[in-house]
């Protein structure tokens, strides 16, 4: 299994979510409002801390846990739908999930369980 974390511009979230819902077997998504700065170091390209403003831009983070094969479809879809071509478009990371448990049903992959 894979965990996909995508930090994107807030105005692109609806577009990305609509595209994800069109995927067969889409497992669901969690969305967080957040702030951040990338390589551009904030507004104007220079990171300058002031008392009033640190220079973080509003972002939204999407988190999805899915089967490996589905991740291969989800990642390029997010990259395409969240792309504006402007600085601050965001970043997508993919990590391996070693174990997971569904709280309601108790089903999932236990640590040490065979694949």
N, C-alpha and C. Protein backbone atom coordinates (compact mmCIF):
# COMPACT_ATOMS: atom_id res chain seq x y z
N UNK A 1 0.84 -1.18 0.00
CA UNK A 1 0.00 0.00 0.00
C UNK A 1 0.88 1.24 0.00
N UNK A 2 0.29 2.33 -0.47
CA UNK A 2 0.99 3.61 -0.55
C UNK A 2 0.19 4.69 0.14
N UNK A 3 0.90 5.66 0.68
CA UNK A 3 0.28 6.87 1.18
C UNK A 3 0.72 8.01 0.29
N UNK A 4 -0.24 8.73 -0.24
CA UNK A 4 0.03 9.87 -1.12
C UNK A 4 -0.32 11.13 -0.34
N UNK A 5 0.62 12.06 -0.27
CA UNK A 5 0.37 13.37 0.33
C UNK A 5 0.62 14.41 -0.75
N UNK A 6 -0.40 15.21 -1.02
CA UNK A 6 -0.27 16.25 -2.03
C UNK A 6 -0.61 17.59 -1.39
N UNK A 7 0.32 18.51 -1.42
CA UNK A 7 0.10 19.86 -0.93
C UNK A 7 -0.12 20.73 -2.16
N UNK A 8 -1.32 21.31 -2.26
CA UNK A 8 -1.70 22.03 -3.48
C UNK A 8 -2.30 23.39 -3.14
N UNK A 9 -2.49 24.21 -4.18
CA UNK A 9 -3.13 25.50 -3.99
C UNK A 9 -4.61 25.28 -3.67
N UNK A 10 -5.15 26.03 -2.71
CA UNK A 10 -6.53 25.80 -2.27
C UNK A 10 -7.57 25.89 -3.39
N UNK A 11 -7.37 26.77 -4.34
CA UNK A 11 -8.37 26.93 -5.41
C UNK A 11 -8.36 25.77 -6.40
N UNK A 12 -7.40 24.84 -6.29
CA UNK A 12 -7.33 23.68 -7.18
C UNK A 12 -7.94 22.43 -6.53
N UNK A 13 -8.28 22.50 -5.26
CA UNK A 13 -8.75 21.31 -4.54
C UNK A 13 -10.00 20.71 -5.16
N UNK A 14 -11.00 21.51 -5.43
CA UNK A 14 -12.25 20.99 -5.98
C UNK A 14 -12.01 20.29 -7.32
N UNK A 15 -11.19 20.88 -8.15
CA UNK A 15 -10.87 20.28 -9.46
C UNK A 15 -10.19 18.91 -9.28
N UNK A 16 -9.26 18.83 -8.35
CA UNK A 16 -8.55 17.57 -8.09
C UNK A 16 -9.51 16.52 -7.54
N UNK A 17 -10.32 16.90 -6.55
CA UNK A 17 -11.26 15.95 -5.93
C UNK A 17 -12.26 15.42 -6.95
N UNK A 18 -12.78 16.28 -7.80
CA UNK A 18 -13.73 15.83 -8.84
C UNK A 18 -13.08 14.79 -9.75
N UNK A 19 -11.84 15.02 -10.13
CA UNK A 19 -11.13 14.06 -10.99
C UNK A 19 -10.88 12.74 -10.26
N UNK A 20 -10.53 12.82 -8.96
CA UNK A 20 -10.30 11.60 -8.19
C UNK A 20 -11.57 10.77 -8.07
N UNK A 21 -12.71 11.42 -7.93
CA UNK A 21 -13.98 10.69 -7.81
C UNK A 21 -14.34 9.93 -9.08
N UNK A 22 -13.76 10.30 -10.19
CA UNK A 22 -14.01 9.59 -11.45
C UNK A 22 -13.22 8.28 -11.55
N UNK A 23 -12.22 8.10 -10.70
CA UNK A 23 -11.43 6.87 -10.72
C UNK A 23 -12.24 5.70 -10.17
N UNK A 24 -12.14 4.58 -10.83
CA UNK A 24 -12.77 3.36 -10.32
C UNK A 24 -12.03 2.93 -9.05
N UNK A 25 -12.74 2.58 -8.02
CA UNK A 25 -12.17 2.09 -6.75
C UNK A 25 -11.41 3.18 -5.99
N UNK A 26 -11.79 4.44 -6.18
CA UNK A 26 -11.13 5.51 -5.41
C UNK A 26 -11.39 5.28 -3.92
N UNK A 27 -10.34 5.23 -3.09
CA UNK A 27 -10.49 4.84 -1.68
C UNK A 27 -10.91 5.95 -0.73
N UNK A 28 -10.92 7.19 -1.17
CA UNK A 28 -11.26 8.30 -0.29
C UNK A 28 -10.06 9.20 -0.06
N UNK A 29 -10.30 10.34 0.55
CA UNK A 29 -9.25 11.34 0.75
C UNK A 29 -9.54 12.12 2.02
N UNK A 30 -8.50 12.57 2.68
CA UNK A 30 -8.61 13.49 3.80
C UNK A 30 -7.97 14.80 3.37
N UNK A 31 -8.63 15.91 3.66
CA UNK A 31 -8.14 17.23 3.23
C UNK A 31 -7.89 18.09 4.47
N UNK A 32 -6.73 18.71 4.51
CA UNK A 32 -6.35 19.60 5.61
C UNK A 32 -6.04 20.98 5.06
N UNK A 33 -6.48 22.02 5.75
CA UNK A 33 -6.02 23.37 5.44
C UNK A 33 -4.68 23.56 6.14
N UNK A 34 -3.73 24.15 5.42
CA UNK A 34 -2.40 24.33 6.00
C UNK A 34 -1.75 25.57 5.38
N UNK A 35 -0.53 25.85 5.79
CA UNK A 35 0.25 26.95 5.26
C UNK A 35 1.65 26.43 4.99
N UNK A 36 2.35 27.07 4.07
CA UNK A 36 3.71 26.65 3.83
C UNK A 36 4.46 27.58 2.92
N UNK A 37 5.69 27.24 2.73
CA UNK A 37 6.53 27.96 1.78
C UNK A 37 7.45 26.94 1.13
N UNK A 38 7.73 27.14 -0.10
CA UNK A 38 8.59 26.22 -0.84
C UNK A 38 9.96 26.82 -1.11
N UNK A 39 10.55 26.36 -2.19
CA UNK A 39 11.89 26.84 -2.55
C UNK A 39 11.92 28.33 -2.82
N UNK A 40 10.76 28.89 -3.23
CA UNK A 40 10.70 30.33 -3.51
C UNK A 40 10.76 31.18 -2.26
N UNK A 41 10.68 30.54 -1.10
CA UNK A 41 10.81 31.20 0.20
C UNK A 41 9.76 32.27 0.45
N UNK A 42 8.54 32.03 0.00
CA UNK A 42 7.46 32.96 0.32
C UNK A 42 7.21 33.99 -0.75
N UNK A 43 6.34 34.93 -0.44
CA UNK A 43 5.95 35.96 -1.39
C UNK A 43 7.16 36.77 -1.81
N UNK A 44 7.26 37.05 -3.08
CA UNK A 44 8.35 37.90 -3.58
C UNK A 44 9.67 37.17 -3.75
N UNK A 45 9.75 35.90 -3.41
CA UNK A 45 10.95 35.11 -3.64
C UNK A 45 12.04 35.28 -2.61
N UNK A 46 11.81 36.03 -1.55
CA UNK A 46 12.83 36.19 -0.52
C UNK A 46 12.16 36.03 0.84
N UNK A 47 12.71 35.17 1.66
CA UNK A 47 12.12 34.92 2.96
C UNK A 47 12.61 35.97 3.94
N UNK A 48 11.68 36.83 4.39
CA UNK A 48 12.00 37.87 5.35
C UNK A 48 10.98 37.78 6.47
N UNK A 49 11.45 37.49 7.68
CA UNK A 49 10.55 37.39 8.82
C UNK A 49 10.28 38.78 9.37
N UNK A 50 9.00 39.09 9.54
CA UNK A 50 8.63 40.34 10.19
C UNK A 50 7.77 39.97 11.39
N UNK A 51 7.46 40.94 12.21
CA UNK A 51 6.61 40.67 13.37
C UNK A 51 5.20 40.30 12.94
N UNK A 52 4.73 40.86 11.83
CA UNK A 52 3.35 40.67 11.41
C UNK A 52 3.14 39.45 10.52
N UNK A 53 4.15 39.05 9.78
CA UNK A 53 3.94 38.04 8.76
C UNK A 53 5.21 37.20 8.56
N UNK A 54 5.02 35.89 8.56
CA UNK A 54 6.15 35.00 8.31
C UNK A 54 6.30 34.72 6.83
N UNK A 55 5.26 34.89 6.05
CA UNK A 55 5.35 34.71 4.61
C UNK A 55 4.87 33.36 4.12
N UNK A 56 4.07 32.67 4.91
CA UNK A 56 3.52 31.39 4.48
C UNK A 56 2.32 31.64 3.57
N UNK A 57 2.18 30.78 2.59
CA UNK A 57 1.04 30.85 1.68
C UNK A 57 0.01 29.79 2.10
N UNK A 58 -1.28 30.09 1.94
CA UNK A 58 -2.30 29.08 2.26
C UNK A 58 -2.22 27.92 1.27
N UNK A 59 -2.36 26.72 1.77
CA UNK A 59 -2.32 25.50 0.96
C UNK A 59 -3.37 24.54 1.49
N UNK A 60 -3.61 23.48 0.74
CA UNK A 60 -4.41 22.38 1.24
C UNK A 60 -3.64 21.10 0.99
N UNK A 61 -3.71 20.19 1.97
CA UNK A 61 -3.01 18.91 1.85
C UNK A 61 -4.04 17.80 1.71
N UNK A 62 -3.86 17.00 0.68
CA UNK A 62 -4.69 15.83 0.46
C UNK A 62 -3.89 14.62 0.87
N UNK A 63 -4.51 13.72 1.64
CA UNK A 63 -3.85 12.47 2.03
C UNK A 63 -4.73 11.31 1.60
N UNK A 64 -4.11 10.36 0.90
CA UNK A 64 -4.82 9.20 0.36
C UNK A 64 -3.97 7.97 0.65
N UNK A 65 -4.61 6.91 1.17
CA UNK A 65 -3.95 5.61 1.33
C UNK A 65 -4.63 4.65 0.36
N UNK A 66 -3.83 3.98 -0.47
CA UNK A 66 -4.41 3.13 -1.51
C UNK A 66 -3.46 2.00 -1.89
N UNK A 67 -3.97 1.09 -2.69
CA UNK A 67 -3.15 0.01 -3.22
C UNK A 67 -2.11 0.59 -4.18
N UNK A 68 -0.98 -0.11 -4.30
CA UNK A 68 0.12 0.37 -5.13
C UNK A 68 -0.31 0.71 -6.56
N UNK A 69 -1.08 -0.17 -7.18
CA UNK A 69 -1.49 0.04 -8.57
C UNK A 69 -2.34 1.28 -8.71
N UNK A 70 -3.20 1.56 -7.75
CA UNK A 70 -4.04 2.74 -7.81
C UNK A 70 -3.21 4.01 -7.63
N UNK A 71 -2.16 3.94 -6.84
CA UNK A 71 -1.28 5.10 -6.65
C UNK A 71 -0.66 5.53 -7.98
N UNK A 72 -0.39 4.56 -8.85
CA UNK A 72 0.20 4.87 -10.16
C UNK A 72 -0.76 5.67 -11.03
N UNK A 73 -2.05 5.60 -10.75
CA UNK A 73 -3.03 6.40 -11.48
C UNK A 73 -3.31 7.73 -10.77
N UNK A 74 -3.29 7.69 -9.45
CA UNK A 74 -3.65 8.88 -8.66
C UNK A 74 -2.60 9.98 -8.76
N UNK A 75 -1.33 9.63 -8.64
CA UNK A 75 -0.27 10.64 -8.60
C UNK A 75 -0.24 11.50 -9.87
N UNK A 76 -0.21 10.91 -11.06
CA UNK A 76 -0.21 11.78 -12.26
C UNK A 76 -1.51 12.58 -12.42
N UNK A 77 -2.61 12.04 -11.95
CA UNK A 77 -3.88 12.74 -12.03
C UNK A 77 -3.84 14.00 -11.17
N UNK A 78 -3.35 13.87 -9.94
CA UNK A 78 -3.22 15.04 -9.07
C UNK A 78 -2.28 16.06 -9.69
N UNK A 79 -1.14 15.59 -10.19
CA UNK A 79 -0.16 16.50 -10.79
C UNK A 79 -0.76 17.28 -11.96
N UNK A 80 -1.56 16.60 -12.77
CA UNK A 80 -2.18 17.26 -13.92
C UNK A 80 -3.24 18.26 -13.48
N UNK A 81 -4.13 17.85 -12.58
CA UNK A 81 -5.27 18.69 -12.21
C UNK A 81 -4.88 19.84 -11.29
N UNK A 82 -3.79 19.74 -10.55
CA UNK A 82 -3.35 20.80 -9.64
C UNK A 82 -2.38 21.78 -10.30
N UNK A 83 -1.96 21.47 -11.52
CA UNK A 83 -0.95 22.28 -12.21
C UNK A 83 -1.53 23.60 -12.71
N UNK A 84 -0.87 24.70 -12.35
CA UNK A 84 -1.21 26.01 -12.90
C UNK A 84 -0.04 26.59 -13.68
N UNK A 85 1.16 26.09 -13.40
CA UNK A 85 2.36 26.63 -14.03
C UNK A 85 2.96 27.79 -13.26
N UNK A 86 2.32 28.17 -12.17
CA UNK A 86 2.80 29.27 -11.34
C UNK A 86 3.60 28.74 -10.16
N UNK A 87 4.49 29.58 -9.60
CA UNK A 87 5.19 29.16 -8.39
C UNK A 87 4.19 28.81 -7.30
N UNK A 88 4.49 27.80 -6.51
CA UNK A 88 3.64 27.43 -5.40
C UNK A 88 2.57 26.41 -5.77
N UNK A 89 2.71 25.76 -6.93
CA UNK A 89 1.73 24.75 -7.33
C UNK A 89 1.66 23.61 -6.32
N UNK A 90 2.76 23.31 -5.65
CA UNK A 90 2.73 22.29 -4.60
C UNK A 90 3.69 21.15 -4.83
N UNK A 91 3.47 20.08 -4.08
CA UNK A 91 4.35 18.92 -4.11
C UNK A 91 3.54 17.67 -3.78
N UNK A 92 3.94 16.55 -4.35
CA UNK A 92 3.31 15.26 -4.07
C UNK A 92 4.39 14.33 -3.56
N UNK A 93 4.12 13.66 -2.44
CA UNK A 93 5.05 12.65 -1.94
C UNK A 93 4.30 11.33 -1.83
N UNK A 94 5.03 10.23 -2.04
CA UNK A 94 4.45 8.90 -1.95
C UNK A 94 5.35 8.06 -1.06
N UNK A 95 4.75 7.44 -0.05
CA UNK A 95 5.51 6.57 0.85
C UNK A 95 4.81 5.21 0.96
N UNK A 96 5.57 4.23 1.38
CA UNK A 96 5.02 2.89 1.57
C UNK A 96 4.38 2.78 2.95
N UNK A 97 3.21 2.18 3.00
CA UNK A 97 2.49 1.95 4.26
C UNK A 97 2.78 0.52 4.69
N UNK A 98 3.41 0.35 5.84
CA UNK A 98 3.77 -0.98 6.33
C UNK A 98 2.59 -1.71 6.96
N UNK A 99 1.74 -0.98 7.63
CA UNK A 99 0.53 -1.59 8.17
C UNK A 99 -0.55 -0.53 8.36
N UNK A 100 -1.79 -1.01 8.38
CA UNK A 100 -2.93 -0.12 8.59
C UNK A 100 -4.07 -0.94 9.19
N UNK A 101 -4.93 -0.27 9.90
CA UNK A 101 -6.10 -0.90 10.52
C UNK A 101 -7.30 0.02 10.28
N UNK A 102 -8.40 -0.52 9.80
CA UNK A 102 -9.65 0.24 9.70
C UNK A 102 -10.29 0.20 11.09
N UNK A 103 -10.49 1.35 11.67
CA UNK A 103 -10.99 1.43 13.04
C UNK A 103 -12.35 0.76 13.18
N UNK A 104 -13.25 1.03 12.26
CA UNK A 104 -14.62 0.49 12.37
C UNK A 104 -14.65 -1.03 12.27
N UNK A 105 -13.91 -1.61 11.32
CA UNK A 105 -14.02 -3.05 11.06
C UNK A 105 -12.87 -3.87 11.65
N UNK A 106 -11.76 -3.21 11.96
CA UNK A 106 -10.59 -3.93 12.46
C UNK A 106 -9.78 -4.59 11.36
N UNK A 107 -10.27 -4.52 10.11
CA UNK A 107 -9.53 -5.15 9.02
C UNK A 107 -8.31 -4.31 8.64
N UNK A 108 -7.35 -4.97 8.04
CA UNK A 108 -6.17 -4.27 7.57
C UNK A 108 -4.96 -5.16 7.61
N UNK A 109 -3.84 -4.58 7.33
CA UNK A 109 -2.58 -5.29 7.30
C UNK A 109 -1.87 -5.07 8.62
N UNK A 110 -1.64 -6.12 9.37
CA UNK A 110 -1.02 -6.05 10.68
C UNK A 110 0.51 -6.07 10.55
N UNK A 111 1.23 -5.47 11.49
CA UNK A 111 2.69 -5.57 11.45
C UNK A 111 3.10 -7.03 11.51
N UNK A 112 4.03 -7.40 10.65
CA UNK A 112 4.54 -8.78 10.63
C UNK A 112 3.66 -9.75 9.87
N UNK A 113 2.51 -9.30 9.36
CA UNK A 113 1.63 -10.20 8.62
C UNK A 113 2.22 -10.48 7.25
N UNK A 114 1.96 -11.66 6.73
CA UNK A 114 2.47 -12.00 5.41
C UNK A 114 1.71 -11.27 4.35
N UNK A 115 2.42 -10.92 3.28
CA UNK A 115 1.82 -10.19 2.15
C UNK A 115 0.95 -11.11 1.34
